[in-house]
Amino acid sequence: MRKLKNIVNEQRVSPKYGPTLFLLLTGLFLWSGLMSAQVILNPMLTGTKSSLRGLCAVSESTCWISGSEGTVLRTIDSGKTWENLSPKGYEDLQFRDIQAFGQDTAIILSAGLPAVICKTVDGGKSWKEVYRNETKGVFFDAMDFWDKQRGMAFSDAPEDHLFIITTTDAGETWKEIPKKQSPKVFRHQGGFAASGTCINTFGESSALIGLGGPEATILLTNDFGKSWTKTIAPLDFGEPSKGIFSIDMLNENFGYCVGGDYRSDSLTSQNIATTMDGGKTWQAFSNPLTLGLYKSCVNVISQKDIITTSRTGIIYSRDSGKTWYKLDGSFYSVSTIGTISWFSGPEGSVARIEW
């Protein structure tokens, strides 16, 4: 705005046209900024009515999705067509999370019992069960990978420690972290299998896990889960339906977490927080458009661009959270790669945004 004022002054515009020209230039400037922030949501047809919560964008043309009734979908043509690659014999399971490494390799994780992890290396033509657990109290919420070899998944606490498993061979085998090394939490405290994003791996060996219930707990490891520290995020907590639903780190220092109360948006007061020190501390992030709206997934696309979604719609910011915009649409998950954000939700709903 200061630059515009200087231009007007330097041109010595006459009093008759000066105010009009200045208002016109100001309007064009503001209109240009608004247009650069607006994006268009493009819905797609998937051919299923399943609830789709697992989502992993591999490229601007390839995306994998998983969900209820043992459903697994894949597109390799930017969403024009979707293949149903659901593994046979798992129709009763809810695959709440999926991790993909290209068009051919993907790993799916089920919530509830039996807890199952399956893997394909041939584009879903065949699936191999690589993990199974039928222990009472086990309920996996999410998984994430540092690279193609190393990954981590966690379950609600069967007792007073989280149940965490890790892999170092691309998901072929999984090993439980010993109880003495796993983080101690409230009895039966857990996360939320809402979008498969309440765990986030980042850096060379760091990971964050978000929990809910008695407190909005965030657990941090910097050594692949050998040791853990705990902090509290300023998000709603206190009931089993309240807490942290999603975490996303842009780099080793900067990230966001979102959550609230999935039972009722009117019960959510604080649902977004940010960290500047790798998850050691968190600061509440309040804006009239964000307050009172439970959120199930967040993507930090850049230092300025943040997008978060839930069944009540999408909100996003392109100026580090100073201003927010809303898009209608009911989605549980968002996964961004390059200039494309993919969304999945209830009743087989899928969409994408091009930034």
Protein backbone atom coordinates (compact mmCIF):
# COMPACT_ATOMS: atom_id res chain seq x y z
CA MET A 1 0.00 0.00 0.00
CA ARG A 2 2.90 2.36 0.71
CA LYS A 3 4.24 1.75 -2.79
CA LEU A 4 0.87 2.67 -4.33
CA LYS A 5 0.79 5.93 -2.36
CA ASN A 6 4.26 6.83 -3.52
CA ILE A 7 3.29 6.23 -7.15
CA VAL A 8 0.29 8.51 -6.87
CA ASN A 9 2.33 11.25 -5.20
CA GLU A 10 5.18 11.03 -7.69
CA GLN A 11 2.79 11.39 -10.65
CA ARG A 12 1.31 14.56 -9.09
CA VAL A 13 -2.25 13.54 -9.98
CA SER A 14 -4.67 16.45 -9.96
CA PRO A 15 -7.17 16.68 -7.06
CA LYS A 16 -10.00 16.01 -9.50
CA TYR A 17 -8.81 12.48 -10.43
CA GLY A 18 -6.41 11.65 -7.62
CA PRO A 19 -8.85 10.04 -5.12
CA THR A 20 -10.64 8.11 -7.86
CA LEU A 21 -7.42 6.73 -9.31
CA PHE A 22 -6.10 5.83 -5.87
CA LEU A 23 -9.29 3.95 -4.98
CA LEU A 24 -9.19 2.15 -8.31
CA LEU A 25 -5.59 1.09 -7.83
CA THR A 26 -6.29 0.01 -4.25
CA GLY A 27 -9.31 -2.01 -5.36
CA LEU A 28 -7.32 -3.74 -8.09
CA PHE A 29 -4.56 -4.54 -5.59
CA LEU A 30 -6.99 -6.06 -3.08
CA TRP A 31 -8.91 -7.93 -5.80
CA SER A 32 -5.65 -9.39 -7.13
CA GLY A 33 -4.68 -10.59 -3.65
CA LEU A 34 -8.10 -12.17 -3.10
CA MET A 35 -8.05 -13.95 -6.47
CA SER A 36 -4.57 -15.35 -5.77
CA ALA A 37 -5.90 -16.87 -2.54
CA GLN A 38 -9.00 -18.48 -4.01
CA VAL A 39 -8.93 -22.08 -5.21
CA ILE A 40 -11.54 -24.37 -6.76
CA LEU A 41 -12.54 -27.75 -5.33
CA ASN A 42 -12.99 -30.41 -8.03
CA PRO A 43 -15.08 -33.43 -6.87
CA MET A 44 -14.63 -36.88 -8.45
CA LEU A 45 -16.58 -40.13 -8.79
CA THR A 46 -15.05 -43.21 -7.19
CA GLY A 47 -17.79 -45.81 -7.63
CA THR A 48 -17.94 -46.65 -3.92
CA LYS A 49 -20.01 -45.57 -0.92
CA SER A 50 -17.36 -46.54 1.63
CA SER A 51 -16.07 -44.14 4.25
CA LEU A 52 -12.61 -43.11 3.01
CA ARG A 53 -10.16 -41.97 5.70
CA GLY A 54 -6.77 -43.31 4.59
CA LEU A 55 -5.21 -41.08 1.93
CA CYS A 56 -1.74 -40.88 0.39
CA ALA A 57 -0.86 -38.72 -2.61
CA VAL A 58 2.17 -40.05 -4.47
CA SER A 59 2.26 -37.55 -7.32
CA GLU A 60 -0.02 -35.09 -9.07
CA SER A 61 -1.47 -38.01 -11.04
CA THR A 62 -1.24 -40.94 -8.58
CA CYS A 63 -3.13 -41.22 -5.31
CA TRP A 64 -4.09 -44.15 -3.03
CA ILE A 65 -7.12 -44.20 -0.70
CA SER A 66 -8.36 -46.71 1.90
CA GLY A 67 -11.45 -47.02 4.05
CA SER A 68 -14.31 -49.06 5.44
CA GLU A 69 -15.44 -52.44 4.11
CA GLY A 70 -11.81 -53.26 3.34
CA THR A 71 -11.76 -50.70 0.53
CA VAL A 72 -8.59 -49.67 -1.31
CA LEU A 73 -8.69 -47.35 -4.33
CA ARG A 74 -6.03 -45.98 -6.66
CA THR A 75 -5.90 -43.48 -9.49
CA ILE A 76 -2.97 -43.03 -11.85
CA ASP A 77 -4.65 -40.53 -14.17
CA SER A 78 -5.24 -37.56 -11.86
CA GLY A 79 -8.57 -38.90 -10.62
CA LYS A 80 -10.31 -39.38 -13.97
CA THR A 81 -10.72 -43.08 -13.12
CA TRP A 82 -10.38 -45.03 -9.88
CA GLU A 83 -9.44 -48.71 -9.59
CA ASN A 84 -10.87 -50.82 -6.77
CA LEU A 85 -7.85 -52.76 -5.47
CA SER A 86 -9.40 -54.03 -2.23
CA PRO A 87 -7.71 -57.17 -0.86
CA LYS A 88 -9.97 -60.21 -0.75
CA GLY A 89 -10.99 -61.58 2.63
CA TYR A 90 -10.78 -58.27 4.51
CA GLU A 91 -14.22 -56.87 3.73
CA ASP A 92 -15.09 -56.51 7.44
CA LEU A 93 -12.06 -54.34 8.25
CA GLN A 94 -11.67 -50.58 8.26
CA PHE A 95 -8.39 -49.58 6.66
CA ARG A 96 -8.06 -46.18 8.33
CA ASP A 97 -4.54 -45.46 7.06
CA ILE A 98 -2.50 -46.07 3.91
CA GLN A 99 1.11 -45.35 2.96
CA ALA A 100 2.14 -45.57 -0.70
CA PHE A 101 5.50 -45.44 -2.46
CA GLY A 102 4.59 -45.02 -6.11
CA GLN A 103 2.08 -46.71 -8.40
CA ASP A 104 2.92 -50.25 -7.28
CA THR A 105 3.75 -50.29 -3.57
CA ALA A 106 1.32 -49.51 -0.76
CA ILE A 107 0.78 -50.50 2.89
CA ILE A 108 -2.63 -50.44 4.62
CA LEU A 109 -3.44 -50.44 8.35
CA SER A 110 -6.74 -51.47 9.94
CA ALA A 111 -8.33 -50.00 13.05
CA GLY A 112 -10.02 -52.31 15.56
CA LEU A 113 -9.58 -56.06 15.92
CA PRO A 114 -8.05 -57.89 14.30
CA ALA A 115 -5.32 -55.29 13.80
CA VAL A 116 -3.94 -56.04 10.35
CA ILE A 117 -1.29 -54.57 8.08
CA CYS A 118 -1.17 -55.64 4.44
CA LYS A 119 1.25 -54.74 1.66
CA THR A 120 1.22 -54.82 -2.13
CA VAL A 121 4.19 -54.44 -4.47
CA ASP A 122 2.34 -55.09 -7.74
CA GLY A 123 -0.18 -52.29 -7.84
CA GLY A 124 -2.84 -54.10 -5.80
CA LYS A 125 -2.99 -57.25 -7.92
CA SER A 126 -2.01 -59.19 -4.81
CA TRP A 127 -1.73 -58.37 -1.10
CA LYS A 128 0.43 -59.91 1.61
CA GLU A 129 -0.54 -59.79 5.28
CA VAL A 130 2.60 -58.63 7.09
CA TYR A 131 1.17 -58.06 10.58
CA ARG A 132 -1.74 -59.29 12.68
CA ASN A 133 -2.65 -58.68 16.32
CA GLU A 134 -5.81 -59.84 18.08
CA THR A 135 -4.89 -58.74 21.61
CA LYS A 136 -7.77 -57.20 23.55
CA GLY A 137 -7.37 -53.44 23.88
CA VAL A 138 -5.28 -52.97 20.75
CA PHE A 139 -6.71 -50.35 18.40
CA PHE A 140 -4.34 -48.85 15.85
CA ASP A 141 -4.84 -45.18 14.99
CA ALA A 142 -2.21 -44.32 12.40
CA MET A 143 1.18 -45.01 10.85
CA ASP A 144 3.83 -42.93 9.09
CA PHE A 145 7.21 -43.46 7.42
CA TRP A 146 10.49 -41.57 7.45
CA ASP A 147 11.48 -43.15 4.14
CA LYS A 148 10.77 -46.29 2.12
CA GLN A 149 12.35 -48.50 4.79
CA ARG A 150 11.58 -47.04 8.22
CA GLY A 151 8.09 -46.60 9.61
CA MET A 152 6.08 -46.51 12.83
CA ALA A 153 2.47 -47.29 13.83
CA PHE A 154 0.74 -46.89 17.18
CA SER A 155 -2.30 -48.18 19.01
CA ASP A 156 -4.34 -46.85 21.91
CA ALA A 157 -2.88 -47.88 25.25
CA PRO A 158 -4.14 -51.36 26.24
CA GLU A 159 -3.12 -50.40 29.79
CA ASP A 160 -0.97 -47.38 30.69
CA HIS A 161 1.61 -47.43 27.86
CA LEU A 162 1.07 -46.80 24.16
CA PHE A 163 1.46 -49.85 21.96
CA ILE A 164 3.96 -48.92 19.24
CA ILE A 165 5.42 -51.02 16.43
CA THR A 166 8.19 -50.15 13.98
CA THR A 167 9.58 -51.47 10.71
CA THR A 168 13.04 -51.11 9.16
CA ASP A 169 12.47 -53.27 6.06
CA ALA A 170 9.78 -51.41 4.12
CA GLY A 171 6.92 -52.86 6.15
CA GLU A 172 7.77 -56.51 5.55
CA THR A 173 8.10 -57.13 9.29
CA TRP A 174 7.02 -55.15 12.37
CA LYS A 175 8.51 -55.17 15.86
CA GLU A 176 6.93 -53.92 19.08
CA ILE A 177 8.80 -51.27 21.04
CA PRO A 178 9.47 -52.72 24.52
CA LYS A 179 7.07 -51.47 27.17
CA LYS A 180 9.92 -49.89 29.16
CA GLN A 181 10.74 -47.72 26.12
CA SER A 182 7.18 -46.86 25.08
CA PRO A 183 5.65 -43.65 26.50
CA LYS A 184 3.55 -43.91 29.64
CA VAL A 185 0.13 -42.30 29.29
CA PHE A 186 -3.23 -42.25 31.07
CA ARG A 187 -4.84 -45.66 31.34
CA HIS A 188 -6.40 -46.59 27.96
CA GLN A 189 -5.55 -43.16 26.54
CA GLY A 190 -5.34 -43.12 22.76
CA GLY A 191 -5.46 -41.19 19.55
CA PHE A 192 -8.06 -40.86 16.82
CA ALA A 193 -8.17 -42.97 13.65
CA ALA A 194 -9.95 -40.15 11.87
CA SER A 195 -7.48 -39.54 9.05
CA GLY A 196 -4.37 -41.61 9.75
CA THR A 197 -2.45 -38.44 10.60
CA CYS A 198 -2.22 -38.27 14.40
CA ILE A 199 1.35 -39.52 14.00
CA ASN A 200 3.88 -37.57 11.94
CA THR A 201 7.46 -38.61 11.20
CA PHE A 202 9.91 -35.86 10.27
CA GLY A 203 13.60 -35.09 10.09
CA GLU A 204 16.07 -37.97 10.28
CA SER A 205 14.59 -39.76 13.29
CA SER A 206 11.84 -37.64 14.88
CA ALA A 207 8.14 -38.35 15.28
CA LEU A 208 5.15 -36.74 16.99
CA ILE A 209 2.05 -38.55 18.27
CA GLY A 210 -1.12 -36.70 19.23
CA LEU A 211 -3.59 -38.08 21.78
CA GLY A 212 -6.85 -37.02 23.39
CA GLY A 213 -9.19 -37.72 26.27
CA PRO A 214 -7.83 -36.66 29.70
CA GLU A 215 -5.44 -34.17 28.07
CA ALA A 216 -4.28 -33.03 24.64
CA THR A 217 -1.03 -34.95 24.86
CA ILE A 218 1.75 -34.69 22.30
CA LEU A 219 4.58 -37.22 22.48
CA LEU A 220 7.94 -36.51 20.84
CA THR A 221 10.78 -38.85 19.94
CA ASN A 222 14.04 -37.88 18.24
CA ASP A 223 15.54 -41.39 18.08
CA PHE A 224 13.03 -43.61 16.24
CA GLY A 225 11.03 -44.25 19.42
CA LYS A 226 13.78 -45.31 21.81
CA SER A 227 12.92 -42.42 24.13
CA TRP A 228 10.00 -40.01 24.44
CA THR A 229 9.14 -36.64 25.95
CA LYS A 230 5.66 -35.27 26.58
CA THR A 231 4.08 -31.86 26.18
CA ILE A 232 0.53 -30.51 26.15
CA ALA A 233 -1.04 -28.70 23.23
CA PRO A 234 -3.62 -25.93 23.86
CA LEU A 235 -6.46 -27.84 22.18
CA ASP A 236 -9.79 -29.02 23.59
CA PHE A 237 -9.56 -32.08 25.84
CA GLY A 238 -11.28 -33.71 28.80
CA GLU A 239 -13.68 -36.07 27.04
CA PRO A 240 -12.97 -39.25 25.02
CA SER A 241 -14.14 -37.41 21.89
CA LYS A 242 -11.76 -34.45 22.35
CA GLY A 243 -8.10 -34.07 21.57
CA ILE A 244 -5.51 -33.96 18.80
CA PHE A 245 -6.59 -35.53 15.52
CA SER A 246 -3.79 -34.56 13.16
CA ILE A 247 -0.20 -33.29 13.14
CA ASP A 248 1.90 -32.12 10.20
CA MET A 249 5.45 -30.80 10.27
CA LEU A 250 6.80 -28.74 7.39
CA ASN A 251 10.38 -29.21 8.57
CA GLU A 252 12.25 -30.06 11.75
CA ASN A 253 10.93 -26.97 13.53
CA PHE A 254 7.65 -25.69 12.09
CA GLY A 255 4.29 -27.45 12.10
CA TYR A 256 0.63 -27.49 13.11
CA CYS A 257 -1.76 -29.73 15.00
CA VAL A 258 -5.56 -29.68 14.80
CA GLY A 259 -8.44 -31.34 16.61
CA GLY A 260 -11.44 -30.50 18.74
CA ASP A 261 -14.52 -32.55 19.58
CA TYR A 262 -15.79 -34.90 16.88
CA ARG A 263 -19.20 -35.26 18.55
CA SER A 264 -20.23 -31.67 18.03
CA ASP A 265 -18.52 -28.67 16.49
CA SER A 266 -20.36 -26.40 18.90
CA LEU A 267 -18.39 -28.01 21.73
CA THR A 268 -15.04 -27.14 20.14
CA SER A 269 -13.43 -23.91 21.31
CA GLN A 270 -9.74 -24.30 20.48
CA ASN A 271 -8.74 -26.53 17.59
CA ILE A 272 -5.49 -25.27 16.01
CA ALA A 273 -2.00 -24.86 17.46
CA THR A 274 1.45 -24.34 16.00
CA THR A 275 5.03 -25.18 16.99
CA MET A 276 8.26 -23.41 16.11
CA ASP A 277 10.64 -25.72 17.97
CA GLY A 278 10.00 -29.20 16.61
CA GLY A 279 7.03 -30.01 18.84
CA LYS A 280 8.58 -29.16 22.20
CA THR A 281 6.11 -26.34 22.78
CA TRP A 282 2.80 -25.36 21.15
CA GLN A 283 0.94 -22.06 20.86
CA ALA A 284 -2.80 -21.61 20.32
CA PHE A 285 -3.75 -20.23 16.95
CA SER A 286 -7.11 -18.44 17.02
CA ASN A 287 -9.14 -16.90 14.22
CA PRO A 288 -12.92 -16.34 14.03
CA LEU A 289 -13.20 -18.68 11.04
CA THR A 290 -11.29 -21.50 12.72
CA LEU A 291 -12.87 -21.41 16.17
CA GLY A 292 -15.78 -23.72 16.87
CA LEU A 293 -14.99 -26.07 13.99
CA TYR A 294 -13.58 -29.52 14.74
CA LYS A 295 -10.85 -30.50 12.28
CA SER A 296 -9.66 -34.03 11.47
CA CYS A 297 -6.64 -33.41 9.21
CA VAL A 298 -4.05 -30.72 8.49
CA ASN A 299 -1.41 -30.17 5.81
CA VAL A 300 1.34 -27.57 6.14
CA ILE A 301 2.20 -26.92 2.51
CA SER A 302 4.64 -24.07 3.05
CA GLN A 303 5.52 -21.46 5.65
CA LYS A 304 2.50 -19.49 4.40
CA ASP A 305 0.08 -22.13 3.07
CA ILE A 306 -1.92 -24.25 5.55
CA ILE A 307 -5.00 -26.34 4.78
CA THR A 308 -7.21 -28.28 7.16
CA THR A 309 -10.41 -30.25 6.66
CA SER A 310 -13.24 -32.11 8.38
CA ARG A 311 -16.79 -33.20 7.71
CA THR A 312 -17.90 -29.55 8.06
CA GLY A 313 -15.69 -28.21 5.28
CA ILE A 314 -12.23 -27.04 4.32
CA ILE A 315 -10.45 -23.96 5.60
CA TYR A 316 -7.11 -22.75 4.31
CA SER A 317 -4.73 -19.84 4.70
CA ARG A 318 -2.18 -18.47 2.25
CA ASP A 319 -0.61 -15.90 4.58
CA SER A 320 0.55 -17.91 7.60
CA GLY A 321 -2.88 -17.93 9.20
CA LYS A 322 -3.59 -14.20 9.18
CA THR A 323 -6.64 -14.72 6.96
CA TRP A 324 -8.61 -17.88 6.22
CA TYR A 325 -10.90 -19.01 3.44
CA LYS A 326 -13.61 -21.67 3.52
CA LEU A 327 -14.68 -24.27 0.96
CA ASP A 328 -17.80 -26.40 1.30
CA GLY A 329 -17.42 -30.17 1.25
CA SER A 330 -17.33 -33.02 3.75
CA PHE A 331 -13.89 -34.65 3.91
CA TYR A 332 -11.93 -36.48 6.59
CA SER A 333 -8.45 -36.34 5.07
CA VAL A 334 -6.18 -34.20 2.93
CA SER A 335 -2.85 -35.16 1.33
CA THR A 336 -0.80 -32.62 -0.60
CA ILE A 337 2.01 -33.15 -3.07
CA GLY A 338 3.39 -30.52 -5.39
CA THR A 339 0.58 -28.15 -6.36
CA ILE A 340 -2.23 -30.66 -5.76
CA SER A 341 -4.20 -31.34 -2.57
CA TRP A 342 -6.31 -34.54 -2.56
CA PHE A 343 -9.31 -35.08 -0.25
CA SER A 344 -11.27 -38.16 0.84
CA GLY A 345 -14.38 -38.47 2.96
CA PRO A 346 -17.74 -40.14 3.64
CA GLU A 347 -19.86 -41.96 1.04
CA GLY A 348 -16.89 -42.43 -1.28
CA SER A 349 -16.34 -38.70 -1.69
CA VAL A 350 -13.04 -37.62 -3.27
CA ALA A 351 -11.89 -34.25 -4.58
CA ARG A 352 -8.77 -32.27 -5.29
CA ILE A 353 -7.49 -28.69 -5.44
CA GLU A 354 -4.84 -27.28 -7.73
CA TRP A 355 -2.99 -24.43 -6.09
